């Protein structure tokens, strides 16, 4: 088979479409013939040499994919050759075939094209596990999503609205904010021109956000705590704004607020399987009802993954950039 390889870490040009050995499914694993994968910022970090895959994971990029079951390993039940699936991966999606633990497989949702389904596993599992399983977003509460135009952001808007929450988003252009509004965002904040703390407070009558989904990390830590409501929950899922920040414990105590930080890729298999099962139970029916849909900015051949990385690095996209396998 062919896969995107990284002979030497570097810029997008470091990505090389090359012939590699076919993977073989082991105990509890399924072999998927890949239809599409998607570009995530974790892929960019790995390409640059800053984010190695967990031990035992595929060395190739790609944290999600869609396709068809090509073979079923020993000890696997409930999946058959030929079924259309999408999958949460620890790596390996930028390839023609990938081996997946059976607990991380999902059927392609009703009404979704098999290629577009590649836009779903990583973002849905990230949003559901953080905003709902950890931060317990409830109907009537306000969710602040940083990076509302990203893959994570576009899914967070839709899921929050589907459960009856109010959504505030930050984005860097008026055009992106308008598109967030089309997905259901209620409060639109241009982070280049507006103070998101002041805007959220104004929109909530001074109360603040009940839940904040943050991809920036250190840069926004203090302001995120300021923007939280009493009993608010800050869920940190990224470090685009740095690793180390100062946390005002006094403000946190006064608000009886909580800060959580999670990653998905390195979790034990049983934890990932539990998240995938929860997503299948709670989120997949929303696709059938038309309440949620994948948001795809563009598709390109997997062999041209370098261009996909350039688009995402420059934040020139809205939603997900898909890489289509041959």
C-alpha atoms as a PDB file:
ATOM      1  CA  UNK A   1       0.000   0.000   0.000  1.00  0.00           C
ATOM      2  CA  UNK A   2       0.955   3.689  -0.035  1.00  0.00           C
ATOM      3  CA  UNK A   3       1.052   6.098   2.903  1.00  0.00           C
ATOM      4  CA  UNK A   4       2.264   9.584   3.700  1.00  0.00           C
ATOM      5  CA  UNK A   5       5.684   9.213   5.301  1.00  0.00           C
ATOM      6  CA  UNK A   6       8.028  11.704   6.996  1.00  0.00           C
ATOM      7  CA  UNK A   7      11.650  10.830   6.140  1.00  0.00           C
ATOM      8  CA  UNK A   8      12.782  13.928   8.064  1.00  0.00           C
ATOM      9  CA  UNK A   9      10.654  16.300  10.204  1.00  0.00           C
ATOM     10  CA  UNK A  10      10.063  19.731   8.710  1.00  0.00           C
ATOM     11  CA  UNK A  11       7.625  21.828   6.736  1.00  0.00           C
ATOM     12  CA  UNK A  12       4.781  20.536   4.573  1.00  0.00           C
ATOM     13  CA  UNK A  13       7.302  19.505   1.930  1.00  0.00           C
ATOM     14  CA  UNK A  14       8.548  16.837   4.375  1.00  0.00           C
ATOM     15  CA  UNK A  15       5.471  14.736   3.587  1.00  0.00           C
ATOM     16  CA  UNK A  16       6.213  11.981   1.065  1.00  0.00           C
ATOM     17  CA  UNK A  17       3.675   9.608  -0.545  1.00  0.00           C
ATOM     18  CA  UNK A  18       5.547   6.304  -0.539  1.00  0.00           C
ATOM     19  CA  UNK A  19       5.058   2.558  -0.720  1.00  0.00           C
ATOM     20  CA  UNK A  20       5.029   0.883   2.704  1.00  0.00           C
ATOM     21  CA  UNK A  21       4.148  -2.582   4.059  1.00  0.00           C
ATOM     22  CA  UNK A  22       0.480  -3.490   4.400  1.00  0.00           C
ATOM     23  CA  UNK A  23      -0.755  -3.616   8.018  1.00  0.00           C
ATOM     24  CA  UNK A  24      -2.299  -6.806   9.376  1.00  0.00           C
ATOM     25  CA  UNK A  25      -5.090  -6.874  11.966  1.00  0.00           C
ATOM     26  CA  UNK A  26      -4.285  -8.575  15.253  1.00  0.00           C
ATOM     27  CA  UNK A  27      -6.436  -9.685  18.156  1.00  0.00           C
ATOM     28  CA  UNK A  28      -9.396  -7.345  18.588  1.00  0.00           C
ATOM     29  CA  UNK A  29      -8.508  -5.291  15.508  1.00  0.00           C
ATOM     30  CA  UNK A  30     -10.135  -4.512  12.168  1.00  0.00           C
ATOM     31  CA  UNK A  31      -8.415  -3.653   8.883  1.00  0.00           C
ATOM     32  CA  UNK A  32     -10.017  -0.675   7.128  1.00  0.00           C
ATOM     33  CA  UNK A  33      -9.533   0.207   3.477  1.00  0.00           C
ATOM     34  CA  UNK A  34      -9.320   3.975   3.748  1.00  0.00           C
ATOM     35  CA  UNK A  35     -11.595   6.223   1.711  1.00  0.00           C
ATOM     36  CA  UNK A  36     -10.501   9.489   3.350  1.00  0.00           C
ATOM     37  CA  UNK A  37      -8.685  10.982   6.301  1.00  0.00           C
ATOM     38  CA  UNK A  38      -8.599  14.546   7.653  1.00  0.00           C
ATOM     39  CA  UNK A  39      -5.942  17.072   8.613  1.00  0.00           C
ATOM     40  CA  UNK A  40      -5.677  17.874  12.331  1.00  0.00           C
ATOM     41  CA  UNK A  41      -3.239  20.214  14.041  1.00  0.00           C
ATOM     42  CA  UNK A  42      -1.761  17.231  15.862  1.00  0.00           C
ATOM     43  CA  UNK A  43      -0.680  15.948  12.436  1.00  0.00           C
ATOM     44  CA  UNK A  44       1.174  19.192  11.828  1.00  0.00           C
ATOM     45  CA  UNK A  45       2.955  18.902  15.170  1.00  0.00           C
ATOM     46  CA  UNK A  46       3.971  15.320  14.386  1.00  0.00           C
ATOM     47  CA  UNK A  47       5.265  16.356  10.962  1.00  0.00           C
ATOM     48  CA  UNK A  48       7.378  19.020  12.669  1.00  0.00           C
ATOM     49  CA  UNK A  49       8.850  16.457  15.060  1.00  0.00           C
ATOM     50  CA  UNK A  50       7.034  17.674  18.191  1.00  0.00           C
ATOM     51  CA  UNK A  51       4.357  15.014  18.731  1.00  0.00           C
ATOM     52  CA  UNK A  52       5.399  11.386  18.464  1.00  0.00           C
ATOM     53  CA  UNK A  53       2.683   8.725  18.237  1.00  0.00           C
ATOM     54  CA  UNK A  54       1.999   6.650  21.354  1.00  0.00           C
ATOM     55  CA  UNK A  55       3.946   3.393  21.749  1.00  0.00           C
ATOM     56  CA  UNK A  56       2.634   0.719  19.428  1.00  0.00           C
ATOM     57  CA  UNK A  57       0.673   3.129  17.238  1.00  0.00           C
ATOM     58  CA  UNK A  58       1.144   3.512  13.503  1.00  0.00           C
ATOM     59  CA  UNK A  59       4.077   5.802  12.630  1.00  0.00           C
ATOM     60  CA  UNK A  60       2.017   7.489   9.921  1.00  0.00           C
ATOM     61  CA  UNK A  61      -0.089  10.613  10.338  1.00  0.00           C
ATOM     62  CA  UNK A  62      -3.861  10.635  10.609  1.00  0.00           C
ATOM     63  CA  UNK A  63      -6.041  10.582  13.731  1.00  0.00           C
ATOM     64  CA  UNK A  64      -9.277   9.679  11.941  1.00  0.00           C
ATOM     65  CA  UNK A  65     -10.443   8.035   8.772  1.00  0.00           C
ATOM     66  CA  UNK A  66     -13.409   6.594   6.938  1.00  0.00           C
ATOM     67  CA  UNK A  67     -13.668   3.646   4.604  1.00  0.00           C
ATOM     68  CA  UNK A  68     -14.757   0.032   4.433  1.00  0.00           C
ATOM     69  CA  UNK A  69     -13.924  -2.993   6.524  1.00  0.00           C
ATOM     70  CA  UNK A  70     -11.377  -5.079   4.587  1.00  0.00           C
ATOM     71  CA  UNK A  71     -10.658  -7.790   7.178  1.00  0.00           C
ATOM     72  CA  UNK A  72     -11.607  -8.683  10.735  1.00  0.00           C
ATOM     73  CA  UNK A  73      -9.023  -9.914  13.228  1.00  0.00           C
ATOM     74  CA  UNK A  74      -9.426 -12.662  15.832  1.00  0.00           C
ATOM     75  CA  UNK A  75     -11.809 -11.949  18.688  1.00  0.00           C
ATOM     76  CA  UNK A  76     -13.801  -9.281  16.851  1.00  0.00           C
ATOM     77  CA  UNK A  77     -17.571  -9.449  16.596  1.00  0.00           C
ATOM     78  CA  UNK A  78     -20.179  -7.009  15.323  1.00  0.00           C
ATOM     79  CA  UNK A  79     -18.272  -5.945  12.181  1.00  0.00           C
ATOM     80  CA  UNK A  80     -18.290  -7.510   8.725  1.00  0.00           C
ATOM     81  CA  UNK A  81     -16.173  -7.138   5.607  1.00  0.00           C
ATOM     82  CA  UNK A  82     -17.579  -4.454   3.326  1.00  0.00           C
ATOM     83  CA  UNK A  83     -19.278  -2.335   6.010  1.00  0.00           C
ATOM     84  CA  UNK A  84     -18.811   1.421   5.694  1.00  0.00           C
ATOM     85  CA  UNK A  85     -17.151   2.775   8.826  1.00  0.00           C
ATOM     86  CA  UNK A  86     -15.251   5.683  10.280  1.00  0.00           C
ATOM     87  CA  UNK A  87     -12.670   5.398  13.021  1.00  0.00           C
ATOM     88  CA  UNK A  88     -10.811   7.210  15.779  1.00  0.00           C
ATOM     89  CA  UNK A  89      -7.093   6.504  15.384  1.00  0.00           C
ATOM     90  CA  UNK A  90      -3.846   6.944  17.281  1.00  0.00           C
ATOM     91  CA  UNK A  91      -2.228   7.279  13.843  1.00  0.00           C
ATOM     92  CA  UNK A  92      -2.195   5.764  10.384  1.00  0.00           C
ATOM     93  CA  UNK A  93      -5.080   7.524   8.636  1.00  0.00           C
ATOM     94  CA  UNK A  94      -2.905   9.016   5.874  1.00  0.00           C
ATOM     95  CA  UNK A  95      -2.666   5.650   4.145  1.00  0.00           C
ATOM     96  CA  UNK A  96      -4.583   3.303   1.869  1.00  0.00           C
ATOM     97  CA  UNK A  97      -5.177   0.853   4.739  1.00  0.00           C
ATOM     98  CA  UNK A  98      -5.117   1.119   8.521  1.00  0.00           C
ATOM     99  CA  UNK A  99      -5.599  -1.246  11.449  1.00  0.00           C
ATOM    100  CA  UNK A 100      -8.099  -0.057  14.071  1.00  0.00           C
ATOM    101  CA  UNK A 101      -9.004  -1.421  17.526  1.00  0.00           C
ATOM    102  CA  UNK A 102     -12.595  -2.608  17.147  1.00  0.00           C
ATOM    103  CA  UNK A 103     -13.747  -0.371  20.022  1.00  0.00           C
ATOM    104  CA  UNK A 104     -12.761   2.720  18.033  1.00  0.00           C
ATOM    105  CA  UNK A 105     -14.908   1.948  14.989  1.00  0.00           C
ATOM    106  CA  UNK A 106     -18.185   3.667  14.223  1.00  0.00           C
ATOM    107  CA  UNK A 107     -20.676   3.023  11.423  1.00  0.00           C
ATOM    108  CA  UNK A 108     -20.949   5.850   8.896  1.00  0.00           C
ATOM    109  CA  UNK A 109     -23.902   7.912  10.187  1.00  0.00           C
ATOM    110  CA  UNK A 110     -27.183   7.865   8.329  1.00  0.00           C
ATOM    111  CA  UNK A 111     -27.265  10.512   5.614  1.00  0.00           C
ATOM    112  CA  UNK A 112     -23.471  11.052   5.553  1.00  0.00           C
ATOM    113  CA  UNK A 113     -21.253  10.189   2.580  1.00  0.00           C
ATOM    114  CA  UNK A 114     -18.479   7.720   3.403  1.00  0.00           C
ATOM    115  CA  UNK A 115     -15.738  10.222   2.486  1.00  0.00           C
ATOM    116  CA  UNK A 116     -17.299  13.067   4.481  1.00  0.00           C
ATOM    117  CA  UNK A 117     -17.485  10.749   7.490  1.00  0.00           C
ATOM    118  CA  UNK A 118     -13.697  11.107   7.814  1.00  0.00           C
ATOM    119  CA  UNK A 119     -14.367  14.598   9.170  1.00  0.00           C
ATOM    120  CA  UNK A 120     -16.172  13.219  12.220  1.00  0.00           C
ATOM    121  CA  UNK A 121     -14.397  10.826  14.622  1.00  0.00           C
ATOM    122  CA  UNK A 122     -11.682  13.046  16.105  1.00  0.00           C
ATOM    123  CA  UNK A 123     -13.793  16.180  16.444  1.00  0.00           C
ATOM    124  CA  UNK A 124     -16.952  14.485  17.696  1.00  0.00           C
ATOM    125  CA  UNK A 125     -15.064  12.412  20.266  1.00  0.00           C
ATOM    126  CA  UNK A 126     -13.084  15.467  21.410  1.00  0.00           C
ATOM    127  CA  UNK A 127     -16.123  17.706  21.771  1.00  0.00           C
ATOM    128  CA  UNK A 128     -18.383  15.112  23.369  1.00  0.00           C
ATOM    129  CA  UNK A 129     -15.776  13.880  25.852  1.00  0.00           C
ATOM    130  CA  UNK A 130     -14.756  17.379  26.946  1.00  0.00           C
ATOM    131  CA  UNK A 131     -17.846  19.575  26.713  1.00  0.00           C
ATOM    132  CA  UNK A 132     -20.319  16.916  27.811  1.00  0.00           C
ATOM    133  CA  UNK A 133     -18.626  14.011  29.622  1.00  0.00           C
ATOM    134  CA  UNK A 134     -16.120  16.173  31.557  1.00  0.00           C
ATOM    135  CA  UNK A 135     -17.639  19.683  31.653  1.00  0.00           C
ATOM    136  CA  UNK A 136     -21.273  18.477  31.717  1.00  0.00           C
ATOM    137  CA  UNK A 137     -22.746  21.152  29.446  1.00  0.00           C
ATOM    138  CA  UNK A 138     -26.488  21.303  30.063  1.00  0.00           C
ATOM    139  CA  UNK A 139     -29.511  22.782  28.257  1.00  0.00           C
ATOM    140  CA  UNK A 140     -29.848  26.510  28.860  1.00  0.00           C
ATOM    141  CA  UNK A 141     -26.164  27.014  29.687  1.00  0.00           C
ATOM    142  CA  UNK A 142     -23.706  29.138  27.700  1.00  0.00           C
ATOM    143  CA  UNK A 143     -20.758  27.534  25.930  1.00  0.00           C
ATOM    144  CA  UNK A 144     -17.817  29.660  24.731  1.00  0.00           C
ATOM    145  CA  UNK A 145     -15.874  28.000  21.913  1.00  0.00           C
ATOM    146  CA  UNK A 146     -12.493  29.389  20.924  1.00  0.00           C
ATOM    147  CA  UNK A 147     -11.730  28.809  17.258  1.00  0.00           C
ATOM    148  CA  UNK A 148     -15.340  28.491  16.203  1.00  0.00           C
ATOM    149  CA  UNK A 149     -14.378  28.033  12.541  1.00  0.00           C
ATOM    150  CA  UNK A 150     -12.148  25.007  13.169  1.00  0.00           C
ATOM    151  CA  UNK A 151     -13.228  21.408  12.856  1.00  0.00           C
ATOM    152  CA  UNK A 152     -13.647  21.235  16.635  1.00  0.00           C
ATOM    153  CA  UNK A 153     -15.459  24.566  16.704  1.00  0.00           C
ATOM    154  CA  UNK A 154     -17.944  23.795  13.959  1.00  0.00           C
ATOM    155  CA  UNK A 155     -18.872  20.517  15.658  1.00  0.00           C
ATOM    156  CA  UNK A 156     -19.065  22.092  19.130  1.00  0.00           C
ATOM    157  CA  UNK A 157     -21.515  24.720  17.871  1.00  0.00           C
ATOM    158  CA  UNK A 158     -23.819  22.086  16.404  1.00  0.00           C
ATOM    159  CA  UNK A 159     -23.738  19.694  19.357  1.00  0.00           C
ATOM    160  CA  UNK A 160     -24.274  22.451  21.916  1.00  0.00           C
ATOM    161  CA  UNK A 161     -27.245  23.815  19.991  1.00  0.00           C
ATOM    162  CA  UNK A 162     -28.654  20.309  19.588  1.00  0.00           C
ATOM    163  CA  UNK A 163     -28.843  19.916  23.384  1.00  0.00           C
ATOM    164  CA  UNK A 164     -30.325  23.380  23.909  1.00  0.00           C
ATOM    165  CA  UNK A 165     -27.288  25.398  24.987  1.00  0.00           C
ATOM    166  CA  UNK A 166     -26.409  28.942  23.951  1.00  0.00           C
ATOM    167  CA  UNK A 167     -23.135  29.281  22.020  1.00  0.00           C
ATOM    168  CA  UNK A 168     -20.565  32.069  21.868  1.00  0.00           C
ATOM    169  CA  UNK A 169     -17.614  31.717  19.487  1.00  0.00           C
ATOM    170  CA  UNK A 170     -14.372  33.488  18.718  1.00  0.00           C
ATOM    171  CA  UNK A 171     -12.915  33.669  15.202  1.00  0.00           C
ATOM    172  CA  UNK A 172     -10.502  35.938  13.344  1.00  0.00           C
ATOM    173  CA  UNK A 173     -12.655  37.256  10.484  1.00  0.00           C
ATOM    174  CA  UNK A 174     -16.169  38.498   9.953  1.00  0.00           C
ATOM    175  CA  UNK A 175     -16.709  35.920   7.217  1.00  0.00           C
ATOM    176  CA  UNK A 176     -15.850  33.049   9.533  1.00  0.00           C
ATOM    177  CA  UNK A 177     -18.124  34.457  12.223  1.00  0.00           C
ATOM    178  CA  UNK A 178     -20.992  34.691   9.748  1.00  0.00           C
ATOM    179  CA  UNK A 179     -20.547  31.042   8.856  1.00  0.00           C
ATOM    180  CA  UNK A 180     -20.479  30.138  12.568  1.00  0.00           C
ATOM    181  CA  UNK A 181     -23.807  31.953  12.899  1.00  0.00           C
ATOM    182  CA  UNK A 182     -25.214  29.829  10.059  1.00  0.00           C
ATOM    183  CA  UNK A 183     -24.367  26.754  12.153  1.00  0.00           C
ATOM    184  CA  UNK A 184     -26.242  28.232  15.109  1.00  0.00           C
ATOM    185  CA  UNK A 185     -23.734  30.351  17.064  1.00  0.00           C
ATOM    186  CA  UNK A 186     -25.533  33.057  19.054  1.00  0.00           C
ATOM    187  CA  UNK A 187     -22.675  35.351  20.132  1.00  0.00           C
ATOM    188  CA  UNK A 188     -19.988  36.236  17.571  1.00  0.00           C
ATOM    189  CA  UNK A 189     -16.641  37.601  18.772  1.00  0.00           C
ATOM    190  CA  UNK A 190     -13.802  38.740  16.519  1.00  0.00           C
ATOM    191  CA  UNK A 191     -10.771  38.014  18.704  1.00  0.00           C
ATOM    192  CA  UNK A 192      -8.628  40.412  16.660  1.00  0.00           C
ATOM    193  CA  UNK A 193     -10.902  43.367  17.422  1.00  0.00           C
ATOM    194  CA  UNK A 194     -12.893  42.508  20.561  1.00  0.00           C
ATOM    195  CA  UNK A 195     -12.234  41.438  24.155  1.00  0.00           C
ATOM    196  CA  UNK A 196     -13.917  38.069  24.512  1.00  0.00           C
ATOM    197  CA  UNK A 197     -14.229  38.438  28.296  1.00  0.00           C
ATOM    198  CA  UNK A 198     -16.188  41.672  27.960  1.00  0.00           C
ATOM    199  CA  UNK A 199     -18.292  40.347  25.089  1.00  0.00           C
ATOM    200  CA  UNK A 200     -19.260  37.157  26.923  1.00  0.00           C
ATOM    201  CA  UNK A 201     -20.101  39.074  30.090  1.00  0.00           C
ATOM    202  CA  UNK A 202     -22.256  41.508  28.135  1.00  0.00           C
ATOM    203  CA  UNK A 203     -24.060  38.711  26.294  1.00  0.00           C
ATOM    204  CA  UNK A 204     -24.831  36.872  29.545  1.00  0.00           C
ATOM    205  CA  UNK A 205     -25.889  39.834  31.662  1.00  0.00           C
ATOM    206  CA  UNK A 206     -22.613  39.765  33.559  1.00  0.00           C
ATOM    207  CA  UNK A 207     -22.794  36.069  34.447  1.00  0.00           C
ATOM    208  CA  UNK A 208     -20.128  34.652  32.116  1.00  0.00           C
ATOM    209  CA  UNK A 209     -19.812  31.330  30.277  1.00  0.00           C
ATOM    210  CA  UNK A 210     -20.824  28.121  32.015  1.00  0.00           C
ATOM    211  CA  UNK A 211     -18.419  26.063  29.888  1.00  0.00           C
ATOM    212  CA  UNK A 212     -15.419  27.172  27.835  1.00  0.00           C
ATOM    213  CA  UNK A 213     -13.828  24.883  25.235  1.00  0.00           C
ATOM    214  CA  UNK A 214     -10.311  26.219  24.758  1.00  0.00           C
ATOM    215  CA  UNK A 215      -7.668  25.325  22.174  1.00  0.00           C
ATOM    216  CA  UNK A 216      -5.212  28.090  23.130  1.00  0.00           C
ATOM    217  CA  UNK A 217      -3.899  27.053  26.532  1.00  0.00           C
ATOM    218  CA  UNK A 218      -1.556  29.428  28.337  1.00  0.00           C
ATOM    219  CA  UNK A 219      -2.302  32.577  26.329  1.00  0.00           C
ATOM    220  CA  UNK A 220      -5.986  32.538  27.261  1.00  0.00           C
ATOM    221  CA  UNK A 221      -5.810  30.933  30.715  1.00  0.00           C
ATOM    222  CA  UNK A 222      -6.273  34.037  32.864  1.00  0.00           C
ATOM    223  CA  UNK A 223      -8.930  35.591  30.621  1.00  0.00           C
ATOM    224  CA  UNK A 224     -10.792  32.300  30.371  1.00  0.00           C
ATOM    225  CA  UNK A 225     -11.066  32.132  34.161  1.00  0.00           C
ATOM    226  CA  UNK A 226     -12.300  35.739  34.167  1.00  0.00           C
ATOM    227  CA  UNK A 227     -14.924  34.818  31.566  1.00  0.00           C
ATOM    228  CA  UNK A 228     -16.264  31.850  33.536  1.00  0.00           C
ATOM    229  CA  UNK A 229     -19.564  32.040  35.367  1.00  0.00           C
ATOM    230  CA  UNK A 230     -19.979  30.891  38.961  1.00  0.00           C
ATOM    231  CA  UNK A 231     -19.656  27.089  38.900  1.00  0.00           C
ATOM    232  CA  UNK A 232     -18.151  27.399  35.420  1.00  0.00           C
ATOM    233  CA  UNK A 233     -15.984  24.738  33.789  1.00  0.00           C
ATOM    234  CA  UNK A 234     -12.948  25.421  31.595  1.00  0.00           C
ATOM    235  CA  UNK A 235     -11.973  22.514  29.336  1.00  0.00           C
ATOM    236  CA  UNK A 236      -8.520  22.915  27.761  1.00  0.00           C
ATOM    237  CA  UNK A 237      -7.909  20.790  24.674  1.00  0.00           C
ATOM    238  CA  UNK A 238      -4.949  22.515  23.016  1.00  0.00           C
ATOM    239  CA  UNK A 239      -1.798  24.564  23.487  1.00  0.00           C
ATOM    240  CA  UNK A 240      -1.722  26.789  20.401  1.00  0.00           C
ATOM    241  CA  UNK A 241      -1.092  29.728  22.740  1.00  0.00           C
ATOM    242  CA  UNK A 242       1.615  28.087  24.840  1.00  0.00           C
ATOM    243  CA  UNK A 243       2.124  25.533  27.599  1.00  0.00           C
ATOM    244  CA  UNK A 244       2.718  27.563  30.762  1.00  0.00           C
ATOM    245  CA  UNK A 245       0.361  30.185  32.176  1.00  0.00           C
ATOM    246  CA  UNK A 246      -0.478  31.749  35.525  1.00  0.00           C
ATOM    247  CA  UNK A 247      -3.703  30.626  37.185  1.00  0.00           C
ATOM    248  CA  UNK A 248      -5.477  32.924  39.660  1.00  0.00           C
ATOM    249  CA  UNK A 249      -6.594  30.429  42.299  1.00  0.00           C
ATOM    250  CA  UNK A 250      -8.455  33.157  44.169  1.00  0.00           C
ATOM    251  CA  UNK A 251     -10.728  33.845  41.204  1.00  0.00           C
ATOM    252  CA  UNK A 252     -11.235  30.139  40.676  1.00  0.00           C
ATOM    253  CA  UNK A 253     -12.191  29.631  44.333  1.00  0.00           C
ATOM    254  CA  UNK A 254     -14.521  32.616  44.362  1.00  0.00           C
ATOM    255  CA  UNK A 255     -16.351  31.233  41.347  1.00  0.00           C
ATOM    256  CA  UNK A 256     -16.267  27.629  42.566  1.00  0.00           C
ATOM    257  CA  UNK A 257     -15.026  26.894  39.072  1.00  0.00           C
ATOM    258  CA  UNK A 258     -13.063  23.990  37.601  1.00  0.00           C
ATOM    259  CA  UNK A 259     -10.266  23.646  35.056  1.00  0.00           C
ATOM    260  CA  UNK A 260      -9.715  20.387  33.169  1.00  0.00           C
ATOM    261  CA  UNK A 261      -7.193  19.489  30.483  1.00  0.00           C
ATOM    262  CA  UNK A 262      -7.402  16.366  28.359  1.00  0.00           C
ATOM    263  CA  UNK A 263      -5.884  14.756  25.304  1.00  0.00           C
ATOM    264  CA  UNK A 264      -7.436  11.946  23.309  1.00  0.00           C
ATOM    265  CA  UNK A 265      -4.655  10.266  21.360  1.00  0.00           C
ATOM    266  CA  UNK A 266      -2.691   8.716  24.230  1.00  0.00           C
ATOM    267  CA  UNK A 267      -5.656   7.491  26.296  1.00  0.00           C
ATOM    268  CA  UNK A 268      -5.886   3.758  27.039  1.00  0.00           C
ATOM    269  CA  UNK A 269      -7.922   1.731  24.564  1.00  0.00           C
ATOM    270  CA  UNK A 270     -10.728   1.140  27.053  1.00  0.00           C
ATOM    271  CA  UNK A 271     -11.163   4.891  27.636  1.00  0.00           C
ATOM    272  CA  UNK A 272     -11.285   5.595  23.910  1.00  0.00           C
ATOM    273  CA  UNK A 273     -13.782   2.781  23.446  1.00  0.00           C
ATOM    274  CA  UNK A 274     -16.001   4.255  26.170  1.00  0.00           C
ATOM    275  CA  UNK A 275     -15.941   7.671  24.462  1.00  0.00           C
ATOM    276  CA  UNK A 276     -16.699   6.127  21.062  1.00  0.00           C
ATOM    277  CA  UNK A 277     -19.588   4.159  22.564  1.00  0.00           C
ATOM    278  CA  UNK A 278     -21.007   7.330  24.139  1.00  0.00           C
ATOM    279  CA  UNK A 279     -20.708   9.169  20.827  1.00  0.00           C
ATOM    280  CA  UNK A 280     -22.514   6.372  19.008  1.00  0.00           C
ATOM    281  CA  UNK A 281     -25.320   6.438  21.575  1.00  0.00           C
ATOM    282  CA  UNK A 282     -25.793  10.172  21.999  1.00  0.00           C
ATOM    283  CA  UNK A 283     -24.469  11.861  18.848  1.00  0.00           C
ATOM    284  CA  UNK A 284     -25.021   9.475  15.939  1.00  0.00           C
ATOM    285  CA  UNK A 285     -28.844   9.778  16.135  1.00  0.00           C
ATOM    286  CA  UNK A 286     -28.464  13.541  15.648  1.00  0.00           C
ATOM    287  CA  UNK A 287     -27.110  12.969  12.134  1.00  0.00           C
ATOM    288  CA  UNK A 288     -30.149  10.932  11.181  1.00  0.00           C
ATOM    289  CA  UNK A 289     -32.361  13.758  12.429  1.00  0.00           C
ATOM    290  CA  UNK A 290     -30.443  16.388  10.461  1.00  0.00           C
ATOM    291  CA  UNK A 291     -29.403  18.263  13.608  1.00  0.00           C
ATOM    292  CA  UNK A 292     -25.668  17.774  13.008  1.00  0.00           C
ATOM    293  CA  UNK A 293     -23.576  17.418   9.865  1.00  0.00           C
ATOM    294  CA  UNK A 294     -19.902  17.217   8.933  1.00  0.00           C
ATOM    295  CA  UNK A 295     -18.456  20.562   7.876  1.00  0.00           C
ATOM    296  CA  UNK A 296     -15.928  20.047   5.088  1.00  0.00           C
ATOM    297  CA  UNK A 297     -13.960  22.970   3.703  1.00  0.00           C
ATOM    298  CA  UNK A 298     -12.294  21.117   0.845  1.00  0.00           C
ATOM    299  CA  UNK A 299     -11.105  17.741  -0.394  1.00  0.00           C
ATOM    300  CA  UNK A 300      -7.763  16.919  -2.012  1.00  0.00           C
ATOM    301  CA  UNK A 301      -5.876  13.773  -2.988  1.00  0.00           C
ATOM    302  CA  UNK A 302      -4.058  12.166  -0.067  1.00  0.00           C
ATOM    303  CA  UNK A 303      -0.832  12.265  -2.080  1.00  0.00           C
ATOM    304  CA  UNK A 304      -1.129  16.088  -1.884  1.00  0.00           C
ATOM    305  CA  UNK A 305      -1.300  16.145   1.925  1.00  0.00           C
ATOM    306  CA  UNK A 306       1.375  18.852   1.993  1.00  0.00           C
ATOM    307  CA  UNK A 307      -1.105  21.348   0.549  1.00  0.00           C
ATOM    308  CA  UNK A 308      -3.696  20.330   3.128  1.00  0.00           C
ATOM    309  CA  UNK A 309      -1.181  21.045   5.882  1.00  0.00           C
ATOM    310  CA  UNK A 310      -0.429  24.476   4.415  1.00  0.00           C
ATOM    311  CA  UNK A 311      -4.126  25.370   4.394  1.00  0.00           C
ATOM    312  CA  UNK A 312      -4.640  24.344   8.019  1.00  0.00           C
ATOM    313  CA  UNK A 313      -1.421  25.991   9.234  1.00  0.00           C
ATOM    314  CA  UNK A 314      -2.507  29.267   7.653  1.00  0.00           C
ATOM    315  CA  UNK A 315      -6.028  28.918   9.128  1.00  0.00           C
ATOM    316  CA  UNK A 316      -7.368  29.285   5.619  1.00  0.00           C
ATOM    317  CA  UNK A 317     -10.186  26.825   6.159  1.00  0.00           C
ATOM    318  CA  UNK A 318     -13.637  26.536   7.738  1.00  0.00           C
ATOM    319  CA  UNK A 319     -14.328  23.102   9.183  1.00  0.00           C
ATOM    320  CA  UNK A 320     -12.262  20.160   8.010  1.00  0.00           C
ATOM    321  CA  UNK A 321      -9.771  19.561   5.192  1.00  0.00           C
ATOM    322  CA  UNK A 322     -10.129  16.022   3.852  1.00  0.00           C
ATOM    323  CA  UNK A 323      -7.495  13.851   2.184  1.00  0.00           C
ATOM    324  CA  UNK A 324      -9.031  11.395  -0.281  1.00  0.00           C
ATOM    325  CA  UNK A 325      -7.320   8.026  -0.742  1.00  0.00           C
ATOM    326  CA  UNK A 326      -6.801   6.686  -4.284  1.00  0.00           C
END
